[in-house]
PDB file of N, CA and C in Angstrom:
ATOM      1  N   MET A   1     109.781  79.850  92.284  1.00  0.00           N
ATOM      2  CA  MET A   1     108.531  80.218  91.650  1.00  0.00           C
ATOM      3  C   MET A   1     107.981  81.525  92.246  1.00  0.00           C
ATOM      4  N   TYR A   2     108.012  81.663  93.575  1.00  0.00           N
ATOM      5  CA  TYR A   2     107.530  82.878  94.227  1.00  0.00           C
ATOM      6  C   TYR A   2     108.697  83.670  94.804  1.00  0.00           C
ATOM      7  N   SER A   3     108.560  84.998  94.803  1.00  0.00           N
ATOM      8  CA  SER A   3     109.601  85.850  95.382  1.00  0.00           C
ATOM      9  C   SER A   3     109.609  85.693  96.909  1.00  0.00           C
ATOM     10  N   ASP A   4     110.693  86.119  97.537  1.00  0.00           N
ATOM     11  CA  ASP A   4     110.782  86.092  99.001  1.00  0.00           C
ATOM     12  C   ASP A   4     109.673  86.930  99.627  1.00  0.00           C
ATOM     13  N   LYS A   5     109.324  88.050  98.975  1.00  0.00           N
ATOM     14  CA  LYS A   5     108.282  88.934  99.497  1.00  0.00           C
ATOM     15  C   LYS A   5     106.906  88.249  99.465  1.00  0.00           C
ATOM     16  N   VAL A   6     106.636  87.503  98.411  1.00  0.00           N
ATOM     17  CA  VAL A   6     105.374  86.746  98.332  1.00  0.00           C
ATOM     18  C   VAL A   6     105.338  85.724  99.461  1.00  0.00           C
ATOM     19  N   MET A   7     106.426  84.998  99.631  1.00  0.00           N
ATOM     20  CA  MET A   7     106.481  83.960 100.670  1.00  0.00           C
ATOM     21  C   MET A   7     106.329  84.562 102.064  1.00  0.00           C
ATOM     22  N   GLU A   8     106.964  85.703 102.316  1.00  0.00           N
ATOM     23  CA  GLU A   8     106.862  86.361 103.622  1.00  0.00           C
ATOM     24  C   GLU A   8     105.424  86.786 103.903  1.00  0.00           C
ATOM     25  N   ASN A   9     104.743  87.353 102.902  1.00  0.00           N
ATOM     26  CA  ASN A   9     103.364  87.806 103.088  1.00  0.00           C
ATOM     27  C   ASN A   9     102.376  86.651 103.147  1.00  0.00           C
ATOM     28  N   PHE A  10     102.761  85.500 102.607  1.00  0.00           N
ATOM     29  CA  PHE A  10     101.924  84.305 102.738  1.00  0.00           C
ATOM     30  C   PHE A  10     102.106  83.673 104.123  1.00  0.00           C
ATOM     31  N   LYS A  11     103.354  83.542 104.548  1.00  0.00           N
ATOM     32  CA  LYS A  11     103.637  82.888 105.835  1.00  0.00           C
ATOM     33  C   LYS A  11     103.282  83.769 107.039  1.00  0.00           C
ATOM     34  N   ASN A  12     103.460  85.082 106.895  1.00  0.00           N
ATOM     35  CA  ASN A  12     103.197  86.027 107.988  1.00  0.00           C
ATOM     36  C   ASN A  12     102.342  87.194 107.477  1.00  0.00           C
ATOM     37  N   PRO A  13     101.111  86.907 107.075  1.00  0.00           N
ATOM     38  CA  PRO A  13     100.284  87.979 106.516  1.00  0.00           C
ATOM     39  C   PRO A  13      99.969  89.061 107.543  1.00  0.00           C
ATOM     40  N   LYS A  14      99.902  90.287 107.069  1.00  0.00           N
ATOM     41  CA  LYS A  14      99.574  91.437 107.915  1.00  0.00           C
ATOM     42  C   LYS A  14      98.098  91.788 107.735  1.00  0.00           C
ATOM     43  N   ASN A  15      97.491  92.327 108.786  1.00  0.00           N
ATOM     44  CA  ASN A  15      96.126  92.851 108.738  1.00  0.00           C
ATOM     45  C   ASN A  15      95.054  91.789 108.459  1.00  0.00           C
ATOM     46  N   THR A  16      95.243  90.612 109.008  1.00  0.00           N
ATOM     47  CA  THR A  16      94.227  89.567 108.820  1.00  0.00           C
ATOM     48  C   THR A  16      93.073  89.771 109.802  1.00  0.00           C
ATOM     49  N   GLY A  17      91.932  89.230 109.450  1.00  0.00           N
ATOM     50  CA  GLY A  17      90.760  89.301 110.309  1.00  0.00           C
ATOM     51  C   GLY A  17      89.687  90.165 109.693  1.00  0.00           C
ATOM     52  N   GLU A  18      88.761  90.595 110.537  1.00  0.00           N
ATOM     53  CA  GLU A  18      87.707  91.460 110.037  1.00  0.00           C
ATOM     54  C   GLU A  18      87.464  92.602 111.012  1.00  0.00           C
ATOM     55  N   ILE A  19      86.797  93.623 110.522  1.00  0.00           N
ATOM     56  CA  ILE A  19      86.425  94.772 111.341  1.00  0.00           C
ATOM     57  C   ILE A  19      84.903  94.710 111.468  1.00  0.00           C
ATOM     58  N   PRO A  20      84.393  94.341 112.662  1.00  0.00           N
ATOM     59  CA  PRO A  20      82.945  94.154 112.826  1.00  0.00           C
ATOM     60  C   PRO A  20      82.108  95.380 112.458  1.00  0.00           C
ATOM     61  N   ASP A  21      82.593  96.576 112.764  1.00  0.00           N
ATOM     62  CA  ASP A  21      81.833  97.789 112.459  1.00  0.00           C
ATOM     63  C   ASP A  21      82.486  98.558 111.305  1.00  0.00           C
ATOM     64  N   ALA A  22      82.898  97.819 110.287  1.00  0.00           N
ATOM     65  CA  ALA A  22      83.602  98.414 109.149  1.00  0.00           C
ATOM     66  C   ALA A  22      82.754  99.480 108.464  1.00  0.00           C
ATOM     67  N   ASP A  23      83.429 100.508 107.970  1.00  0.00           N
ATOM     68  CA  ASP A  23      82.751 101.555 107.206  1.00  0.00           C
ATOM     69  C   ASP A  23      82.493 101.113 105.770  1.00  0.00           C
ATOM     70  N   GLY A  24      83.325 100.202 105.287  1.00  0.00           N
ATOM     71  CA  GLY A  24      83.164  99.683 103.929  1.00  0.00           C
ATOM     72  C   GLY A  24      83.659  98.256 103.864  1.00  0.00           C
ATOM     73  N   VAL A  25      82.956  97.427 103.077  1.00  0.00           N
ATOM     74  CA  VAL A  25      83.330  96.023 102.912  1.00  0.00           C
ATOM     75  C   VAL A  25      83.268  95.687 101.426  1.00  0.00           C
ATOM     76  N   GLY A  26      84.321  95.052 100.934  1.00  0.00           N
ATOM     77  CA  GLY A  26      84.355  94.643  99.533  1.00  0.00           C
ATOM     78  C   GLY A  26      84.726  93.182  99.420  1.00  0.00           C
ATOM     79  N   THR A  27      83.910  92.427  98.698  1.00  0.00           N
ATOM     80  CA  THR A  27      84.175  91.005  98.483  1.00  0.00           C
ATOM     81  C   THR A  27      84.248  90.729  96.993  1.00  0.00           C
ATOM     82  N   VAL A  28      85.293  90.045  96.585  1.00  0.00           N
ATOM     83  CA  VAL A  28      85.440  89.635  95.189  1.00  0.00           C
ATOM     84  C   VAL A  28      85.879  88.182  95.160  1.00  0.00           C
ATOM     85  N   GLY A  29      85.633  87.550  94.040  1.00  0.00           N
ATOM     86  CA  GLY A  29      86.041  86.158  93.903  1.00  0.00           C
ATOM     87  C   GLY A  29      86.221  85.793  92.455  1.00  0.00           C
ATOM     88  N   ASN A  30      86.928  84.706  92.245  1.00  0.00           N
ATOM     89  CA  ASN A  30      87.103  84.173  90.911  1.00  0.00           C
ATOM     90  C   ASN A  30      86.601  82.736  90.936  1.00  0.00           C
ATOM     91  N   PRO A  31      85.434  82.469  90.323  1.00  0.00           N
ATOM     92  CA  PRO A  31      84.860  81.125  90.373  1.00  0.00           C
ATOM     93  C   PRO A  31      85.723  80.070  89.677  1.00  0.00           C
ATOM     94  N   VAL A  32      86.596  80.501  88.756  1.00  0.00           N
ATOM     95  CA  VAL A  32      87.447  79.549  88.038  1.00  0.00           C
ATOM     96  C   VAL A  32      88.441  78.881  88.978  1.00  0.00           C
ATOM     97  N   CYS A  33      89.105  79.694  89.820  1.00  0.00           N
ATOM     98  CA  CYS A  33      90.128  79.132  90.706  1.00  0.00           C
ATOM     99  C   CYS A  33      89.661  79.017  92.153  1.00  0.00           C
ATOM    100  N   GLY A  34      88.550  79.656  92.489  1.00  0.00           N
ATOM    101  CA  GLY A  34      88.002  79.530  93.843  1.00  0.00           C
ATOM    102  C   GLY A  34      88.508  80.543  94.843  1.00  0.00           C
ATOM    103  N   ASP A  35      89.385  81.477  94.430  1.00  0.00           N
ATOM    104  CA  ASP A  35      89.876  82.499  95.359  1.00  0.00           C
ATOM    105  C   ASP A  35      88.749  83.461  95.720  1.00  0.00           C
ATOM    106  N   MET A  36      88.609  83.740  97.022  1.00  0.00           N
ATOM    107  CA  MET A  36      87.619  84.705  97.518  1.00  0.00           C
ATOM    108  C   MET A  36      88.316  85.629  98.502  1.00  0.00           C
ATOM    109  N   MET A  37      88.068  86.931  98.361  1.00  0.00           N
ATOM    110  CA  MET A  37      88.697  87.911  99.247  1.00  0.00           C
ATOM    111  C   MET A  37      87.664  88.913  99.721  1.00  0.00           C
ATOM    112  N   THR A  38      87.760  89.248 101.004  1.00  0.00           N
ATOM    113  CA  THR A  38      86.936  90.315 101.573  1.00  0.00           C
ATOM    114  C   THR A  38      87.867  91.282 102.278  1.00  0.00           C
ATOM    115  N   ILE A  39      87.704  92.558 101.970  1.00  0.00           N
ATOM    116  CA  ILE A  39      88.492  93.604 102.625  1.00  0.00           C
ATOM    117  C   ILE A  39      87.532  94.510 103.394  1.00  0.00           C
ATOM    118  N   PHE A  40      87.926  94.818 104.629  1.00  0.00           N
ATOM    119  CA  PHE A  40      87.154  95.670 105.533  1.00  0.00           C
ATOM    120  C   PHE A  40      87.955  96.945 105.775  1.00  0.00           C
ATOM    121  N   ILE A  41      87.294  98.110 105.706  1.00  0.00           N
ATOM    122  CA  ILE A  41      88.002  99.370 105.960  1.00  0.00           C
ATOM    123  C   ILE A  41      87.271 100.223 106.988  1.00  0.00           C
ATOM    124  N   LYS A  42      88.072 100.966 107.759  1.00  0.00           N
ATOM    125  CA  LYS A  42      87.584 102.029 108.644  1.00  0.00           C
ATOM    126  C   LYS A  42      88.171 103.312 108.076  1.00  0.00           C
ATOM    127  N   VAL A  43      87.305 104.306 107.917  1.00  0.00           N
ATOM    128  CA  VAL A  43      87.732 105.564 107.298  1.00  0.00           C
ATOM    129  C   VAL A  43      87.579 106.700 108.300  1.00  0.00           C
ATOM    130  N   LYS A  44      88.600 107.543 108.370  1.00  0.00           N
ATOM    131  CA  LYS A  44      88.544 108.732 109.212  1.00  0.00           C
ATOM    132  C   LYS A  44      89.199 109.882 108.446  1.00  0.00           C
ATOM    133  N   ASP A  45      88.488 110.985 108.333  1.00  0.00           N
ATOM    134  CA  ASP A  45      88.997 112.157 107.616  1.00  0.00           C
ATOM    135  C   ASP A  45      89.474 111.806 106.209  1.00  0.00           C
ATOM    136  N   ASN A  46      88.669 110.993 105.514  1.00  0.00           N
ATOM    137  CA  ASN A  46      88.936 110.598 104.125  1.00  0.00           C
ATOM    138  C   ASN A  46      90.180 109.710 103.963  1.00  0.00           C
ATOM    139  N   ARG A  47      90.677 109.137 105.065  1.00  0.00           N
ATOM    140  CA  ARG A  47      91.834 108.227 105.015  1.00  0.00           C
ATOM    141  C   ARG A  47      91.452 106.850 105.535  1.00  0.00           C
ATOM    142  N   ILE A  48      92.122 105.848 105.018  1.00  0.00           N
ATOM    143  CA  ILE A  48      91.916 104.487 105.514  1.00  0.00           C
ATOM    144  C   ILE A  48      92.689 104.365 106.820  1.00  0.00           C
ATOM    145  N   GLU A  49      91.944 104.429 107.908  1.00  0.00           N
ATOM    146  CA  GLU A  49      92.532 104.396 109.249  1.00  0.00           C
ATOM    147  C   GLU A  49      92.892 102.972 109.658  1.00  0.00           C
ATOM    148  N   ASP A  50      92.031 102.019 109.277  1.00  0.00           N
ATOM    149  CA  ASP A  50      92.290 100.611 109.588  1.00  0.00           C
ATOM    150  C   ASP A  50      91.787  99.778 108.416  1.00  0.00           C
ATOM    151  N   ILE A  51      92.432  98.656 108.200  1.00  0.00           N
ATOM    152  CA  ILE A  51      92.062  97.781 107.090  1.00  0.00           C
ATOM    153  C   ILE A  51      92.427  96.351 107.464  1.00  0.00           C
ATOM    154  N   LYS A  52      91.530  95.427 107.162  1.00  0.00           N
ATOM    155  CA  LYS A  52      91.765  94.010 107.438  1.00  0.00           C
ATOM    156  C   LYS A  52      91.233  93.196 106.265  1.00  0.00           C
ATOM    157  N   PHE A  53      91.671  91.940 106.191  1.00  0.00           N
ATOM    158  CA  PHE A  53      91.177  91.083 105.114  1.00  0.00           C
ATOM    159  C   PHE A  53      90.948  89.659 105.583  1.00  0.00           C
ATOM    160  N   LYS A  54      90.053  88.995 104.877  1.00  0.00           N
ATOM    161  CA  LYS A  54      89.836  87.551 105.013  1.00  0.00           C
ATOM    162  C   LYS A  54      89.909  86.993 103.600  1.00  0.00           C
ATOM    163  N   THR A  55      90.773  86.019 103.401  1.00  0.00           N
ATOM    164  CA  THR A  55      90.963  85.439 102.075  1.00  0.00           C
ATOM    165  C   THR A  55      90.897  83.926 102.136  1.00  0.00           C
ATOM    166  N   PHE A  56      90.156  83.370 101.188  1.00  0.00           N
ATOM    167  CA  PHE A  56      90.114  81.927 100.987  1.00  0.00           C
ATOM    168  C   PHE A  56      90.756  81.701  99.633  1.00  0.00           C
ATOM    169  N   GLY A  57      91.938  81.090  99.647  1.00  0.00           N
ATOM    170  CA  GLY A  57      92.610  80.874  98.371  1.00  0.00           C
ATOM    171  C   GLY A  57      94.028  80.387  98.569  1.00  0.00           C
ATOM    172  N   CYS A  58      94.777  80.438  97.491  1.00  0.00           N
ATOM    173  CA  CYS A  58      96.148  79.940  97.489  1.00  0.00           C
ATOM    174  C   CYS A  58      97.093  80.931  98.180  1.00  0.00           C
ATOM    175  N   GLY A  59      98.342  80.550  98.273  1.00  0.00           N
ATOM    176  CA  GLY A  59      99.346  81.387  98.910  1.00  0.00           C
ATOM    177  C   GLY A  59      99.480  82.750  98.260  1.00  0.00           C
ATOM    178  N   ALA A  60      99.401  82.797  96.935  1.00  0.00           N
ATOM    179  CA  ALA A  60      99.506  84.074  96.231  1.00  0.00           C
ATOM    180  C   ALA A  60      98.316  84.974  96.565  1.00  0.00           C
ATOM    181  N   ALA A  61      97.135  84.395  96.722  1.00  0.00           N
ATOM    182  CA  ALA A  61      95.941  85.174  97.071  1.00  0.00           C
ATOM    183  C   ALA A  61      96.101  85.800  98.454  1.00  0.00           C
ATOM    184  N   ILE A  62      96.632  85.040  99.388  1.00  0.00           N
ATOM    185  CA  ILE A  62      96.857  85.553 100.739  1.00  0.00           C
ATOM    186  C   ILE A  62      97.931  86.640 100.714  1.00  0.00           C
ATOM    187  N   ALA A  63      99.004  86.402  99.981  1.00  0.00           N
ATOM    188  CA  ALA A  63     100.103  87.376  99.900  1.00  0.00           C
ATOM    189  C   ALA A  63      99.634  88.691  99.271  1.00  0.00           C
ATOM    190  N   THR A  64      98.837  88.620  98.207  1.00  0.00           N
ATOM    191  CA  THR A  64      98.377  89.856  97.568  1.00  0.00           C
ATOM    192  C   THR A  64      97.405  90.600  98.470  1.00  0.00           C
ATOM    193  N   SER A  65      96.592  89.879  99.230  1.00  0.00           N
ATOM    194  CA  SER A  65      95.678  90.533 100.176  1.00  0.00           C
ATOM    195  C   SER A  65      96.468  91.264 101.252  1.00  0.00           C
ATOM    196  N   SER A  66      97.459  90.592 101.796  1.00  0.00           N
ATOM    197  CA  SER A  66      98.307  91.186 102.824  1.00  0.00           C
ATOM    198  C   SER A  66      99.001  92.444 102.299  1.00  0.00           C
ATOM    199  N   MET A  67      99.590  92.345 101.116  1.00  0.00           N
ATOM    200  CA  MET A  67     100.322  93.476 100.548  1.00  0.00           C
ATOM    201  C   MET A  67      99.383  94.637 100.230  1.00  0.00           C
ATOM    202  N   THR A  68      98.205  94.345  99.705  1.00  0.00           N
ATOM    203  CA  THR A  68      97.256  95.404  99.372  1.00  0.00           C
ATOM    204  C   THR A  68      96.861  96.187 100.613  1.00  0.00           C
ATOM    205  N   THR A  69      96.612  95.483 101.717  1.00  0.00           N
ATOM    206  CA  THR A  69      96.217  96.188 102.941  1.00  0.00           C
ATOM    207  C   THR A  69      97.361  97.059 103.453  1.00  0.00           C
ATOM    208  N   GLN A  70      98.590  96.574 103.331  1.00  0.00           N
ATOM    209  CA  GLN A  70      99.740  97.367 103.761  1.00  0.00           C
ATOM    210  C   GLN A  70      99.909  98.614 102.899  1.00  0.00           C
ATOM    211  N   MET A  71      99.666  98.469 101.609  1.00  0.00           N
ATOM    212  CA  MET A  71      99.813  99.590 100.689  1.00  0.00           C
ATOM    213  C   MET A  71      98.725 100.649 100.909  1.00  0.00           C
ATOM    214  N   ALA A  72      97.522 100.208 101.311  1.00  0.00           N
ATOM    215  CA  ALA A  72      96.373 101.123 101.421  1.00  0.00           C
ATOM    216  C   ALA A  72      96.269 101.832 102.765  1.00  0.00           C
ATOM    217  N   LYS A  73      96.768 101.200 103.815  1.00  0.00           N
ATOM    218  CA  LYS A  73      96.609 101.769 105.158  1.00  0.00           C
ATOM    219  C   LYS A  73      97.246 103.151 105.253  1.00  0.00           C
ATOM    220  N   GLY A  74      96.452 104.118 105.730  1.00  0.00           N
ATOM    221  CA  GLY A  74      96.930 105.480 105.894  1.00  0.00           C
ATOM    222  C   GLY A  74      96.759 106.357 104.663  1.00  0.00           C
ATOM    223  N   LYS A  75      96.414 105.752 103.541  1.00  0.00           N
ATOM    224  CA  LYS A  75      96.231 106.519 102.312  1.00  0.00           C
ATOM    225  C   LYS A  75      94.844 107.164 102.280  1.00  0.00           C
ATOM    226  N   THR A  76      94.718 108.240 101.494  1.00  0.00           N
ATOM    227  CA  THR A  76      93.397 108.809 101.263  1.00  0.00           C
ATOM    228  C   THR A  76      92.621 107.823 100.391  1.00  0.00           C
ATOM    229  N   LEU A  77      91.315 107.985 100.351  1.00  0.00           N
ATOM    230  CA  LEU A  77      90.499 107.105  99.510  1.00  0.00           C
ATOM    231  C   LEU A  77      90.909 107.233  98.049  1.00  0.00           C
ATOM    232  N   GLU A  78      91.210 108.452  97.615  1.00  0.00           N
ATOM    233  CA  GLU A  78      91.613 108.677  96.225  1.00  0.00           C
ATOM    234  C   GLU A  78      92.928 107.954  95.915  1.00  0.00           C
ATOM    235  N   GLU A  79      93.877 108.042  96.843  1.00  0.00           N
ATOM    236  CA  GLU A  79      95.161 107.352  96.648  1.00  0.00           C
ATOM    237  C   GLU A  79      94.960 105.837  96.619  1.00  0.00           C
ATOM    238  N   ALA A  80      94.134 105.333  97.519  1.00  0.00           N
ATOM    239  CA  ALA A  80      93.899 103.889  97.594  1.00  0.00           C
ATOM    240  C   ALA A  80      93.191 103.371  96.346  1.00  0.00           C
ATOM    241  N   LEU A  81      92.314 104.182  95.774  1.00  0.00           N
ATOM    242  CA  LEU A  81      91.620 103.763  94.547  1.00  0.00           C
ATOM    243  C   LEU A  81      92.573 103.621  93.366  1.00  0.00           C
ATOM    244  N   LYS A  82      93.737 104.234  93.456  1.00  0.00           N
ATOM    245  CA  LYS A  82      94.723 104.150  92.367  1.00  0.00           C
ATOM    246  C   LYS A  82      95.587 102.888  92.463  1.00  0.00           C
ATOM    247  N   ILE A  83      95.512 102.170  93.568  1.00  0.00           N
ATOM    248  CA  ILE A  83      96.299 100.941  93.711  1.00  0.00           C
ATOM    249  C   ILE A  83      95.734  99.901  92.750  1.00  0.00           C
ATOM    250  N   SER A  84      96.583  99.401  91.873  1.00  0.00           N
ATOM    251  CA  SER A  84      96.144  98.437  90.860  1.00  0.00           C
ATOM    252  C   SER A  84      96.710  97.045  91.129  1.00  0.00           C
ATOM    253  N   ARG A  85      96.166  96.082  90.425  1.00  0.00           N
ATOM    254  CA  ARG A  85      96.697  94.714  90.516  1.00  0.00           C
ATOM    255  C   ARG A  85      98.188  94.713  90.168  1.00  0.00           C
ATOM    256  N   LYS A  86      98.548  95.486  89.155  1.00  0.00           N
ATOM    257  CA  LYS A  86      99.944  95.557  88.712  1.00  0.00           C
ATOM    258  C   LYS A  86     100.831  96.139  89.820  1.00  0.00           C
ATOM    259  N   ASP A  87     100.325  97.177  90.513  1.00  0.00           N
ATOM    260  CA  ASP A  87     101.081  97.774  91.620  1.00  0.00           C
ATOM    261  C   ASP A  87     101.356  96.748  92.713  1.00  0.00           C
ATOM    262  N   VAL A  88     100.329  95.951  93.037  1.00  0.00           N
ATOM    263  CA  VAL A  88     100.460  94.946  94.097  1.00  0.00           C
ATOM    264  C   VAL A  88     101.490  93.894  93.695  1.00  0.00           C
ATOM    265  N   ALA A  89     101.383  93.391  92.471  1.00  0.00           N
ATOM    266  CA  ALA A  89     102.339  92.383  91.988  1.00  0.00           C
ATOM    267  C   ALA A  89     103.756  92.942  91.987  1.00  0.00           C
ATOM    268  N   SER A  90     103.894  94.186  91.568  1.00  0.00           N
ATOM    269  CA  SER A  90     105.206  94.830  91.540  1.00  0.00           C
ATOM    270  C   SER A  90     105.785  94.959  92.946  1.00  0.00           C
ATOM    271  N   GLU A  91     104.941  95.357  93.901  1.00  0.00           N
ATOM    272  CA  GLU A  91     105.377  95.510  95.299  1.00  0.00           C
ATOM    273  C   GLU A  91     105.823  94.166  95.889  1.00  0.00           C
ATOM    274  N   LEU A  92     105.272  93.074  95.366  1.00  0.00           N
ATOM    275  CA  LEU A  92     105.644  91.726  95.818  1.00  0.00           C
ATOM    276  C   LEU A  92     106.820  91.162  95.013  1.00  0.00           C
ATOM    277  N   ASN A  93     107.431  92.008  94.189  1.00  0.00           N
ATOM    278  CA  ASN A  93     108.541  91.580  93.310  1.00  0.00           C
ATOM    279  C   ASN A  93     108.085  90.535  92.300  1.00  0.00           C
ATOM    280  N   GLY A  94     106.846  90.673  91.854  1.00  0.00           N
ATOM    281  CA  GLY A  94     106.319  89.823  90.787  1.00  0.00           C
ATOM    282  C   GLY A  94     105.545  88.613  91.278  1.00  0.00           C
ATOM    283  N   LEU A  95     104.674  88.161  90.395  1.00  0.00           N
ATOM    284  CA  LEU A  95     103.907  86.932  90.605  1.00  0.00           C
ATOM    285  C   LEU A  95     104.050  86.091  89.348  1.00  0.00           C
ATOM    286  N   PRO A  96     103.982  84.766  89.476  1.00  0.00           N
ATOM    287  CA  PRO A  96     104.004  83.941  88.266  1.00  0.00           C
ATOM    288  C   PRO A  96     102.817  84.322  87.372  1.00  0.00           C
ATOM    289  N   PRO A  97     103.010  84.351  86.059  1.00  0.00           N
ATOM    290  CA  PRO A  97     101.930  84.754  85.142  1.00  0.00           C
ATOM    291  C   PRO A  97     100.612  84.023  85.388  1.00  0.00           C
ATOM    292  N   VAL A  98     100.684  82.755  85.736  1.00  0.00           N
ATOM    293  CA  VAL A  98      99.459  81.981  85.959  1.00  0.00           C
ATOM    294  C   VAL A  98      98.687  82.463  87.196  1.00  0.00           C
ATOM    295  N   LYS A  99      99.353  83.171  88.091  1.00  0.00           N
ATOM    296  CA  LYS A  99      98.716  83.648  89.322  1.00  0.00           C
ATOM    297  C   LYS A  99      98.218  85.091  89.222  1.00  0.00           C
ATOM    298  N   MET A 100      98.586  85.803  88.166  1.00  0.00           N
ATOM    299  CA  MET A 100      98.234  87.218  88.074  1.00  0.00           C
ATOM    300  C   MET A 100      96.722  87.466  88.072  1.00  0.00           C
ATOM    301  N   HIS A 101      95.969  86.691  87.334  1.00  0.00           N
ATOM    302  CA  HIS A 101      94.545  86.987  87.179  1.00  0.00           C
ATOM    303  C   HIS A 101      93.698  86.453  88.321  1.00  0.00           C
ATOM    304  N   CYS A 102      93.903  85.211  88.689  1.00  0.00           N
ATOM    305  CA  CYS A 102      93.080  84.610  89.747  1.00  0.00           C
ATOM    306  C   CYS A 102      93.430  85.158  91.123  1.00  0.00           C
ATOM    307  N   SER A 103      94.682  85.102  91.450  1.00  0.00           N
ATOM    308  CA  SER A 103      95.098  85.374  92.821  1.00  0.00           C
ATOM    309  C   SER A 103      95.218  86.848  93.150  1.00  0.00           C
ATOM    310  N   ASN A 104      95.423  87.665  92.146  1.00  0.00           N
ATOM    311  CA  ASN A 104      95.656  89.079  92.414  1.00  0.00           C
ATOM    312  C   ASN A 104      94.353  89.871  92.293  1.00  0.00           C
ATOM    313  N   LEU A 105      93.389  89.522  93.120  1.00  0.00           N
ATOM    314  CA  LEU A 105      92.093  90.187  93.141  1.00  0.00           C
ATOM    315  C   LEU A 105      91.989  91.200  94.278  1.00  0.00           C
ATOM    316  N   ALA A 106      93.015  91.279  95.102  1.00  0.00           N
ATOM    317  CA  ALA A 106      92.931  92.089  96.316  1.00  0.00           C
ATOM    318  C   ALA A 106      92.699  93.572  96.025  1.00  0.00           C
ATOM    319  N   ALA A 107      93.316  94.111  94.977  1.00  0.00           N
ATOM    320  CA  ALA A 107      93.082  95.516  94.635  1.00  0.00           C
ATOM    321  C   ALA A 107      91.611  95.724  94.285  1.00  0.00           C
ATOM    322  N   ASP A 108      91.009  94.741  93.621  1.00  0.00           N
ATOM    323  CA  ASP A 108      89.584  94.832  93.281  1.00  0.00           C
ATOM    324  C   ASP A 108      88.726  94.831  94.550  1.00  0.00           C
ATOM    325  N   ALA A 109      89.099  94.011  95.524  1.00  0.00           N
ATOM    326  CA  ALA A 109      88.353  93.965  96.792  1.00  0.00           C
ATOM    327  C   ALA A 109      88.496  95.289  97.535  1.00  0.00           C
ATOM    328  N   LEU A 110      89.700  95.875  97.494  1.00  0.00           N
ATOM    329  CA  LEU A 110      89.923  97.176  98.115  1.00  0.00           C
ATOM    330  C   LEU A 110      89.023  98.226  97.467  1.00  0.00           C
ATOM    331  N   HIS A 111      88.999  98.249  96.142  1.00  0.00           N
ATOM    332  CA  HIS A 111      88.166  99.222  95.422  1.00  0.00           C
ATOM    333  C   HIS A 111      86.693  99.012  95.754  1.00  0.00           C
ATOM    334  N   ALA A 112      86.269  97.753  95.862  1.00  0.00           N
ATOM    335  CA  ALA A 112      84.872  97.454  96.203  1.00  0.00           C
ATOM    336  C   ALA A 112      84.537  97.955  97.612  1.00  0.00           C
ATOM    337  N   ALA A 113      85.471  97.816  98.546  1.00  0.00           N
ATOM    338  CA  ALA A 113      85.251  98.296  99.920  1.00  0.00           C
ATOM    339  C   ALA A 113      85.119  99.818  99.939  1.00  0.00           C
ATOM    340  N   ILE A 114      85.951 100.499  99.163  1.00  0.00           N
ATOM    341  CA  ILE A 114      85.885 101.958  99.095  1.00  0.00           C
ATOM    342  C   ILE A 114      84.560 102.390  98.461  1.00  0.00           C
ATOM    343  N   GLN A 115      84.166 101.717  97.400  1.00  0.00           N
ATOM    344  CA  GLN A 115      82.888 102.051  96.747  1.00  0.00           C
ATOM    345  C   GLN A 115      81.718 101.816  97.702  1.00  0.00           C
ATOM    346  N   ASP A 116      81.797 100.749  98.490  1.00  0.00           N
ATOM    347  CA  ASP A 116      80.758 100.466  99.488  1.00  0.00           C
ATOM    348  C   ASP A 116      80.693 101.607 100.503  1.00  0.00           C
ATOM    349  N   TYR A 117      81.836 102.055 100.974  1.00  0.00           N
ATOM    350  CA  TYR A 117      81.889 103.175 101.919  1.00  0.00           C
ATOM    351  C   TYR A 117      81.280 104.433 101.303  1.00  0.00           C
ATOM    352  N   LEU A 118      81.681 104.757 100.081  1.00  0.00           N
ATOM    353  CA  LEU A 118      81.189 105.969  99.417  1.00  0.00           C
ATOM    354  C   LEU A 118      79.678 105.914  99.205  1.00  0.00           C
ATOM    355  N   LYS A 119      79.186 104.739  98.864  1.00  0.00           N
ATOM    356  CA  LYS A 119      77.739 104.554  98.670  1.00  0.00           C
ATOM    357  C   LYS A 119      76.990 104.781  99.987  1.00  0.00           C
ATOM    358  N   LYS A 120      77.536 104.245 101.068  1.00  0.00           N
ATOM    359  CA  LYS A 120      76.916 104.432 102.394  1.00  0.00           C
ATOM    360  C   LYS A 120      76.928 105.908 102.795  1.00  0.00           C
ATOM    361  N   GLN A 121      78.000 106.616 102.480  1.00  0.00           N
ATOM    362  CA  GLN A 121      78.092 108.041 102.800  1.00  0.00           C
ATOM    363  C   GLN A 121      77.062 108.844 102.011  1.00  0.00           C
ATOM    364  N   GLN A 122      76.906 108.476 100.751  1.00  0.00           N
ATOM    365  CA  GLN A 122      75.932 109.168  99.902  1.00  0.00           C
ATOM    366  C   GLN A 122      74.514 108.954 100.440  1.00  0.00           C
ATOM    367  N   THR A 123      74.213 107.726 100.835  1.00  0.00           N
ATOM    368  CA  THR A 123      72.898 107.415 101.399  1.00  0.00           C
ATOM    369  C   THR A 123      72.679 108.191 102.691  1.00  0.00           C
ATOM    370  N   LYS A 124      73.713 108.228 103.529  1.00  0.00           N
ATOM    371  CA  LYS A 124      73.639 108.967 104.799  1.00  0.00           C
ATOM    372  C   LYS A 124      73.357 110.450 104.557  1.00  0.00           C
ATOM    373  N   ASN A 125      74.037 111.025 103.561  1.00  0.00           N
ATOM    374  CA  ASN A 125      73.858 112.438 103.227  1.00  0.00           C
ATOM    375  C   ASN A 125      72.467 112.709 102.662  1.00  0.00           C
ATOM    376  N   GLU A 126      71.935 111.763 101.896  1.00  0.00           N
ATOM    377  CA  GLU A 126      70.591 111.937 101.338  1.00  0.00           C
ATOM    378  C   GLU A 126      69.543 111.883 102.433  1.00  0.00           C
ATOM    379  N   VAL A 127      69.766 111.052 103.432  1.00  0.00           N
ATOM    380  CA  VAL A 127      68.833 110.932 104.548  1.00  0.00           C
ATOM    381  C   VAL A 127      68.807 112.233 105.354  1.00  0.00           C
ATOM    382  N   LYS A 128      69.976 112.873 105.500  1.00  0.00           N
ATOM    383  CA  LYS A 128      70.072 114.115 106.264  1.00  0.00           C
ATOM    384  C   LYS A 128      69.310 115.263 105.600  1.00  0.00           C
ATOM    385  N   LYS A 129      69.158 115.217 104.276  1.00  0.00           N
ATOM    386  CA  LYS A 129      68.516 116.327 103.542  1.00  0.00           C
ATOM    387  C   LYS A 129      67.073 116.450 103.826  1.00  0.00           C
TER     388      LYS A 129
END
């Protein structure tokens, strides 16, 4: 049912935990299936320097969170914003169709974390004026 890559990222997820002084935090969830994901990012010179996640959900939700953080780390914010749910599923060698919508929310959480960071930067810049 699941690819070896999905199973590996579920059993040995990368970048788990949280970043207490994160520059951006994004939380998304699907009330239908109960999956909840939070992604924390540290940004330096417009790049994702560090990224961590906390996920409450099924194995596919954990695997997609792990893979998304691996794909985003070191990328510019613009590059990371281009990571889609489809990209994550493809990188995991596919997900069962029933898991695509509920469990593959990690790209959305990543985008939310980046938007949170950008909003904070805009506020910071407005305060400086």
